[in-house]
Amino acid sequence: MTDLTRRGFVASAAAAASAGLIAKPAIAQSAWPNRPVTLVVPWGAGGGTDATARIVAAILEKNLGQPFNVVNRTGGSGVVGHSAIATAAPDGYTIGMVTVEITMMHHQGLTDLKPTSYTPLALMNEDPPGVQVKADGQFKDIKQLAEFIKANPGKLKASGTGQGGIWHLALVGWLNAMGLKADAVPWVPSNGAAPAMQDLAAGGIDLVTCSVPEGKAMIDAGKAKSLAIMAAQRNPLFPDVPTLNETLGINYSVGAWRGIAGPKGMPADIAAKLTAELKKAYDSSEFKDFMKARGFGTVWAPANEFADFMAKGDASMASAMKSAGLAKS
């Protein structure tokens, strides 16, 4: 081989190697996920939203081979966390658990965010609220509590979520159904059901409207009890908790939901892969057993159906909040 030929061969080999070095990262970048994914939760650790997000993250991590790190971004009655999801880079590496509050917060003037601010991926859960009180308190059943509220408007304090959140709206709806005004039981904002239940057990508030599963830890510990559930029928996992209709003759029901979404503008292929992986997670015995053990309701809707579900919920919440005097738009 001549020097000229040798030099040409070396140059060609170097060019090929260089091209290979450039091509490899390009190939790696196209294979989502190739690094850890953040899953934002707008509510506090220990609550139902946090628990649901963590089991979903654990299954996704196992199936996709990359860490799915749950990050709690609380504050602003859910605005902080929902904003963190919506404003993240739309590359599939930041997703989050959006909740029913996204159909409510913009009606209150808290944020411009709404369901259309996201790339919907999947609806995975829906739960009705219960009415929880201190286990050793004065109220033995929901009828006794209702009669006390009617006779002593403004005396009891309630909590369960932020001001104007779903559990607050649930309380307002129940009060309205009894012919009472929203301020008959003043609301104390909290960063979720878990801290509200702790405050209830400590005597800081008198009742909590949140899902019975969210109150389960305090109920099982003998520090709280659930008097009724705001649903059409009893939860089979809590068969001793009656409905409002059974006890008070009030046919009132409402529910909270949780789903996974990403920032608006996510690549269609990554969004589709996420929805497919979320369906695998939803269908897994690990997810079903986890949710059943905690009494959490399971409901599935893929991306397009989830978008329709949120749109209908947004319209419904607008009407309900206006009637309760909570809407500003």
Foldseek 3Di string as FASTA:
>chain_A
DDPVVVVVVVVVVVVVVVVVVVVVVVVLLVDPPPEAAEAEEAFDPLFPSNLLVVLLQVLCCVVVVYHYHYDYQYDLLSPRRVVCQQPDPQALRYKYKDKLCLLWCVQLVSDPGHLVQWQFFKWWFKFFKFKKFWLPDDDDAPVVVVVVLVVQFQPFEEEFTAVRDPQLLVQQVVQVLVVHASRRHHYDHDRGRQVRLVCRLVPVGGIYIDGVLRNVVCVVVSGMDTRATFDPADQPLCNVHHHCCVPPVRNGIDMMTIGMTGHPPHPPVSSNVSSVSSVVSSPDPSSVVSCVVSSIGTDIDGRVVVSVVRVVSSVVNSVSCVVNVSGDD
